C-alpha atoms as a PDB file:
ATOM      1  CA  UNK A   1     115.807 108.053 116.312  1.00  0.00           C
ATOM      2  CA  UNK A   2     118.728 110.028 114.725  1.00  0.00           C
ATOM      3  CA  UNK A   3     117.436 113.506 113.453  1.00  0.00           C
ATOM      4  CA  UNK A   4     120.183 115.908 113.732  1.00  0.00           C
ATOM      5  CA  UNK A   5     121.476 113.932 116.739  1.00  0.00           C
ATOM      6  CA  UNK A   6     120.297 111.179 118.894  1.00  0.00           C
ATOM      7  CA  UNK A   7     116.766 112.111 119.504  1.00  0.00           C
ATOM      8  CA  UNK A   8     113.624 110.276 120.614  1.00  0.00           C
ATOM      9  CA  UNK A   9     110.606 110.087 118.432  1.00  0.00           C
ATOM     10  CA  UNK A  10     108.919 112.706 120.621  1.00  0.00           C
ATOM     11  CA  UNK A  11     111.546 115.241 120.370  1.00  0.00           C
ATOM     12  CA  UNK A  12     111.938 114.752 116.621  1.00  0.00           C
ATOM     13  CA  UNK A  13     108.247 115.219 116.314  1.00  0.00           C
ATOM     14  CA  UNK A  14     108.287 118.338 118.448  1.00  0.00           C
ATOM     15  CA  UNK A  15     111.223 120.045 116.526  1.00  0.00           C
ATOM     16  CA  UNK A  16     109.430 119.293 113.264  1.00  0.00           C
ATOM     17  CA  UNK A  17     105.688 119.925 114.386  1.00  0.00           C
ATOM     18  CA  UNK A  18     105.167 122.885 112.243  1.00  0.00           C
ATOM     19  CA  UNK A  19     106.529 121.476 109.155  1.00  0.00           C
ATOM     20  CA  UNK A  20     104.574 118.230 109.628  1.00  0.00           C
ATOM     21  CA  UNK A  21     101.499 120.396 110.068  1.00  0.00           C
ATOM     22  CA  UNK A  22     102.191 122.176 106.909  1.00  0.00           C
ATOM     23  CA  UNK A  23     102.718 118.995 105.092  1.00  0.00           C
ATOM     24  CA  UNK A  24      99.536 117.698 106.391  1.00  0.00           C
ATOM     25  CA  UNK A  25      97.558 120.916 105.615  1.00  0.00           C
ATOM     26  CA  UNK A  26      98.843 120.845 101.838  1.00  0.00           C
ATOM     27  CA  UNK A  27      97.794 117.130 101.464  1.00  0.00           C
ATOM     28  CA  UNK A  28      94.167 118.036 103.135  1.00  0.00           C
ATOM     29  CA  UNK A  29      93.597 121.392 101.385  1.00  0.00           C
ATOM     30  CA  UNK A  30      90.279 121.453  99.638  1.00  0.00           C
ATOM     31  CA  UNK A  31      89.340 117.874 100.790  1.00  0.00           C
ATOM     32  CA  UNK A  32      86.287 116.966 102.728  1.00  0.00           C
ATOM     33  CA  UNK A  33      88.356 114.628 104.735  1.00  0.00           C
ATOM     34  CA  UNK A  34      87.180 113.245 108.034  1.00  0.00           C
ATOM     35  CA  UNK A  35      90.431 114.408 109.542  1.00  0.00           C
ATOM     36  CA  UNK A  36      92.111 117.717 110.309  1.00  0.00           C
ATOM     37  CA  UNK A  37      95.715 118.459 109.507  1.00  0.00           C
ATOM     38  CA  UNK A  38      96.511 118.521 113.230  1.00  0.00           C
ATOM     39  CA  UNK A  39      94.822 115.060 113.690  1.00  0.00           C
ATOM     40  CA  UNK A  40      96.747 113.522 110.689  1.00  0.00           C
ATOM     41  CA  UNK A  41     100.024 114.811 112.237  1.00  0.00           C
ATOM     42  CA  UNK A  42      99.072 113.311 115.516  1.00  0.00           C
ATOM     43  CA  UNK A  43      98.107 109.979 114.102  1.00  0.00           C
ATOM     44  CA  UNK A  44     101.529 110.000 112.436  1.00  0.00           C
ATOM     45  CA  UNK A  45     103.210 110.660 115.902  1.00  0.00           C
ATOM     46  CA  UNK A  46     101.223 107.720 117.514  1.00  0.00           C
ATOM     47  CA  UNK A  47     102.109 105.497 114.686  1.00  0.00           C
ATOM     48  CA  UNK A  48     105.711 106.301 114.944  1.00  0.00           C
ATOM     49  CA  UNK A  49     105.947 105.899 118.650  1.00  0.00           C
ATOM     50  CA  UNK A  50     105.652 102.165 118.131  1.00  0.00           C
ATOM     51  CA  UNK A  51     108.373 101.947 115.908  1.00  0.00           C
ATOM     52  CA  UNK A  52     111.821 101.285 117.228  1.00  0.00           C
ATOM     53  CA  UNK A  53     113.716 100.708 113.917  1.00  0.00           C
ATOM     54  CA  UNK A  54     113.312 104.402 112.970  1.00  0.00           C
ATOM     55  CA  UNK A  55     116.650 106.229 112.441  1.00  0.00           C
ATOM     56  CA  UNK A  56     117.090 109.530 110.402  1.00  0.00           C
ATOM     57  CA  UNK A  57     120.276 111.196 109.548  1.00  0.00           C
ATOM     58  CA  UNK A  58     118.751 114.439 109.322  1.00  0.00           C
ATOM     59  CA  UNK A  59     115.552 116.517 109.197  1.00  0.00           C
ATOM     60  CA  UNK A  60     115.050 116.018 105.589  1.00  0.00           C
ATOM     61  CA  UNK A  61     115.104 112.321 105.894  1.00  0.00           C
ATOM     62  CA  UNK A  62     112.586 112.680 108.840  1.00  0.00           C
ATOM     63  CA  UNK A  63     110.268 114.725 106.786  1.00  0.00           C
ATOM     64  CA  UNK A  64     110.390 112.483 103.755  1.00  0.00           C
ATOM     65  CA  UNK A  65     109.631 109.490 105.826  1.00  0.00           C
ATOM     66  CA  UNK A  66     106.562 111.520 107.446  1.00  0.00           C
ATOM     67  CA  UNK A  67     105.330 112.348 104.023  1.00  0.00           C
ATOM     68  CA  UNK A  68     105.356 108.718 103.060  1.00  0.00           C
ATOM     69  CA  UNK A  69     103.729 107.538 106.426  1.00  0.00           C
ATOM     70  CA  UNK A  70     100.964 110.517 105.994  1.00  0.00           C
ATOM     71  CA  UNK A  71     100.100 108.985 102.474  1.00  0.00           C
ATOM     72  CA  UNK A  72      99.824 105.481 104.046  1.00  0.00           C
ATOM     73  CA  UNK A  73      97.609 106.800 106.812  1.00  0.00           C
ATOM     74  CA  UNK A  74      95.421 108.629 104.338  1.00  0.00           C
ATOM     75  CA  UNK A  75      95.376 105.529 101.942  1.00  0.00           C
ATOM     76  CA  UNK A  76      94.169 103.357 104.969  1.00  0.00           C
ATOM     77  CA  UNK A  77      91.515 105.832 105.794  1.00  0.00           C
ATOM     78  CA  UNK A  78      90.277 105.848 102.095  1.00  0.00           C
ATOM     79  CA  UNK A  79      90.246 102.008 102.163  1.00  0.00           C
ATOM     80  CA  UNK A  80      88.027 102.319 105.298  1.00  0.00           C
ATOM     81  CA  UNK A  81      85.698 104.722 103.562  1.00  0.00           C
ATOM     82  CA  UNK A  82      85.450 102.450 100.585  1.00  0.00           C
ATOM     83  CA  UNK A  83      84.451  99.596 102.509  1.00  0.00           C
ATOM     84  CA  UNK A  84      81.775 101.657 104.087  1.00  0.00           C
ATOM     85  CA  UNK A  85      80.378 102.509 100.572  1.00  0.00           C
ATOM     86  CA  UNK A  86      81.011  99.563  98.084  1.00  0.00           C
ATOM     87  CA  UNK A  87      78.730 100.949  95.550  1.00  0.00           C
ATOM     88  CA  UNK A  88      81.134 103.624  93.985  1.00  0.00           C
ATOM     89  CA  UNK A  89      82.381 103.823  90.394  1.00  0.00           C
ATOM     90  CA  UNK A  90      85.767 103.994  89.610  1.00  0.00           C
ATOM     91  CA  UNK A  91      86.572 107.271  88.049  1.00  0.00           C
ATOM     92  CA  UNK A  92      89.520 108.333  85.913  1.00  0.00           C
ATOM     93  CA  UNK A  93      92.576 109.951  87.697  1.00  0.00           C
ATOM     94  CA  UNK A  94      94.997 112.603  86.496  1.00  0.00           C
ATOM     95  CA  UNK A  95      98.105 113.908  88.081  1.00  0.00           C
ATOM     96  CA  UNK A  96      96.749 117.282  88.244  1.00  0.00           C
ATOM     97  CA  UNK A  97      95.802 119.725  91.071  1.00  0.00           C
ATOM     98  CA  UNK A  98      92.832 117.555  92.262  1.00  0.00           C
ATOM     99  CA  UNK A  99      95.340 114.938  93.622  1.00  0.00           C
ATOM    100  CA  UNK A 100      97.518 117.493  95.495  1.00  0.00           C
ATOM    101  CA  UNK A 101      94.399 119.553  96.484  1.00  0.00           C
ATOM    102  CA  UNK A 102      92.610 116.674  97.984  1.00  0.00           C
ATOM    103  CA  UNK A 103      89.795 116.680  95.318  1.00  0.00           C
ATOM    104  CA  UNK A 104      90.437 113.044  94.357  1.00  0.00           C
ATOM    105  CA  UNK A 105      87.949 110.528  95.746  1.00  0.00           C
ATOM    106  CA  UNK A 106      89.115 107.549  97.704  1.00  0.00           C
ATOM    107  CA  UNK A 107      89.048 105.118  94.606  1.00  0.00           C
ATOM    108  CA  UNK A 108      91.368 107.594  92.847  1.00  0.00           C
ATOM    109  CA  UNK A 109      93.661 107.702  95.822  1.00  0.00           C
ATOM    110  CA  UNK A 110      93.905 103.982  95.844  1.00  0.00           C
ATOM    111  CA  UNK A 111      94.540 103.797  92.146  1.00  0.00           C
ATOM    112  CA  UNK A 112      97.282 106.268  92.657  1.00  0.00           C
ATOM    113  CA  UNK A 113      98.800 104.611  95.558  1.00  0.00           C
ATOM    114  CA  UNK A 114      99.080 101.422  93.663  1.00  0.00           C
ATOM    115  CA  UNK A 115     100.736 103.262  90.792  1.00  0.00           C
ATOM    116  CA  UNK A 116     103.255 104.835  93.350  1.00  0.00           C
ATOM    117  CA  UNK A 117     103.991 101.459  94.797  1.00  0.00           C
ATOM    118  CA  UNK A 118     104.881 100.338  91.435  1.00  0.00           C
ATOM    119  CA  UNK A 119     107.026 103.288  90.865  1.00  0.00           C
ATOM    120  CA  UNK A 120     108.828 102.862  94.127  1.00  0.00           C
ATOM    121  CA  UNK A 121     109.825  99.421  93.120  1.00  0.00           C
ATOM    122  CA  UNK A 122     111.506 100.667  89.871  1.00  0.00           C
ATOM    123  CA  UNK A 123     113.098 103.967  90.985  1.00  0.00           C
ATOM    124  CA  UNK A 124     113.040 105.277  94.664  1.00  0.00           C
ATOM    125  CA  UNK A 125     113.967 108.862  93.878  1.00  0.00           C
ATOM    126  CA  UNK A 126     111.324 109.136  91.157  1.00  0.00           C
ATOM    127  CA  UNK A 127     108.896 107.601  93.779  1.00  0.00           C
ATOM    128  CA  UNK A 128     109.924 110.441  96.315  1.00  0.00           C
ATOM    129  CA  UNK A 129     109.679 113.270  93.691  1.00  0.00           C
ATOM    130  CA  UNK A 130     106.303 111.909  92.569  1.00  0.00           C
ATOM    131  CA  UNK A 131     104.892 111.524  96.110  1.00  0.00           C
ATOM    132  CA  UNK A 132     106.009 115.010  97.274  1.00  0.00           C
ATOM    133  CA  UNK A 133     104.846 116.663  94.046  1.00  0.00           C
ATOM    134  CA  UNK A 134     101.509 114.822  93.253  1.00  0.00           C
ATOM    135  CA  UNK A 135     100.358 113.800  96.613  1.00  0.00           C
ATOM    136  CA  UNK A 136     101.667 116.643  98.846  1.00  0.00           C
ATOM    137  CA  UNK A 137     101.602 119.250  96.284  1.00  0.00           C
ATOM    138  CA  UNK A 138     105.378 120.700  97.062  1.00  0.00           C
ATOM    139  CA  UNK A 139     107.011 122.971  94.841  1.00  0.00           C
ATOM    140  CA  UNK A 140     110.002 121.920  92.929  1.00  0.00           C
ATOM    141  CA  UNK A 141     112.237 124.016  95.240  1.00  0.00           C
ATOM    142  CA  UNK A 142     110.804 122.417  98.213  1.00  0.00           C
ATOM    143  CA  UNK A 143     111.376 118.852  96.874  1.00  0.00           C
ATOM    144  CA  UNK A 144     114.877 119.741  95.897  1.00  0.00           C
ATOM    145  CA  UNK A 145     115.745 120.900  99.515  1.00  0.00           C
ATOM    146  CA  UNK A 146     114.132 117.756 101.017  1.00  0.00           C
ATOM    147  CA  UNK A 147     115.906 115.348  98.781  1.00  0.00           C
ATOM    148  CA  UNK A 148     119.139 117.191  98.594  1.00  0.00           C
ATOM    149  CA  UNK A 149     119.228 117.258  94.682  1.00  0.00           C
ATOM    150  CA  UNK A 150     118.972 120.367  92.345  1.00  0.00           C
ATOM    151  CA  UNK A 151     115.914 121.896  90.932  1.00  0.00           C
ATOM    152  CA  UNK A 152     116.534 120.837  87.318  1.00  0.00           C
ATOM    153  CA  UNK A 153     116.874 117.221  88.639  1.00  0.00           C
ATOM    154  CA  UNK A 154     113.693 117.596  90.571  1.00  0.00           C
ATOM    155  CA  UNK A 155     112.093 118.832  87.083  1.00  0.00           C
ATOM    156  CA  UNK A 156     113.427 115.898  85.051  1.00  0.00           C
ATOM    157  CA  UNK A 157     112.494 113.228  87.662  1.00  0.00           C
ATOM    158  CA  UNK A 158     109.100 114.577  87.990  1.00  0.00           C
ATOM    159  CA  UNK A 159     108.847 114.496  83.993  1.00  0.00           C
ATOM    160  CA  UNK A 160     109.855 110.984  84.211  1.00  0.00           C
ATOM    161  CA  UNK A 161     107.539 109.924  87.184  1.00  0.00           C
ATOM    162  CA  UNK A 162     104.589 111.678  85.453  1.00  0.00           C
ATOM    163  CA  UNK A 163     105.140 109.824  82.254  1.00  0.00           C
ATOM    164  CA  UNK A 164     105.313 106.423  84.038  1.00  0.00           C
ATOM    165  CA  UNK A 165     102.391 107.042  86.316  1.00  0.00           C
ATOM    166  CA  UNK A 166     100.072 108.336  83.375  1.00  0.00           C
ATOM    167  CA  UNK A 167     100.952 105.260  81.570  1.00  0.00           C
ATOM    168  CA  UNK A 168      99.798 103.138  84.418  1.00  0.00           C
ATOM    169  CA  UNK A 169      96.769 105.241  85.143  1.00  0.00           C
ATOM    170  CA  UNK A 170      95.537 105.067  81.705  1.00  0.00           C
ATOM    171  CA  UNK A 171      95.470 101.217  81.544  1.00  0.00           C
END
């Protein structure tokens, strides 16, 4: 793994552990999740240890990968919870604070995940911005730093991503 040099998954994880915990805490804030932020970060580490194809040019790329991987882990957990309770009704989803704060239910998380996957197929950067803003609740400045773009670019991309996602979520 290259994360500011030639590092193993373990050393990249160790140097970014606090940032990973912060990402996990933001995602899980206010949610009655069956997992803690530390457990989510450790699940990510366990998942990454088995991957030999991971290469990161810098810490920002590592954290962007980590945020995607956390989302996938949480989506998998939501699917497992839904399998346990098949009687749930689908509720409408908005891109408001309930998603970033973790108040969205498992069904809503799955609907959002499908919409994000469609966005990723169309525009990777819009997908990254949407994921970091809507799913992890990062601020514009934080997203700009992670992606290496300006704040006005993040704001424009966020507006475009929201418009696309709202269109999908209304259908």
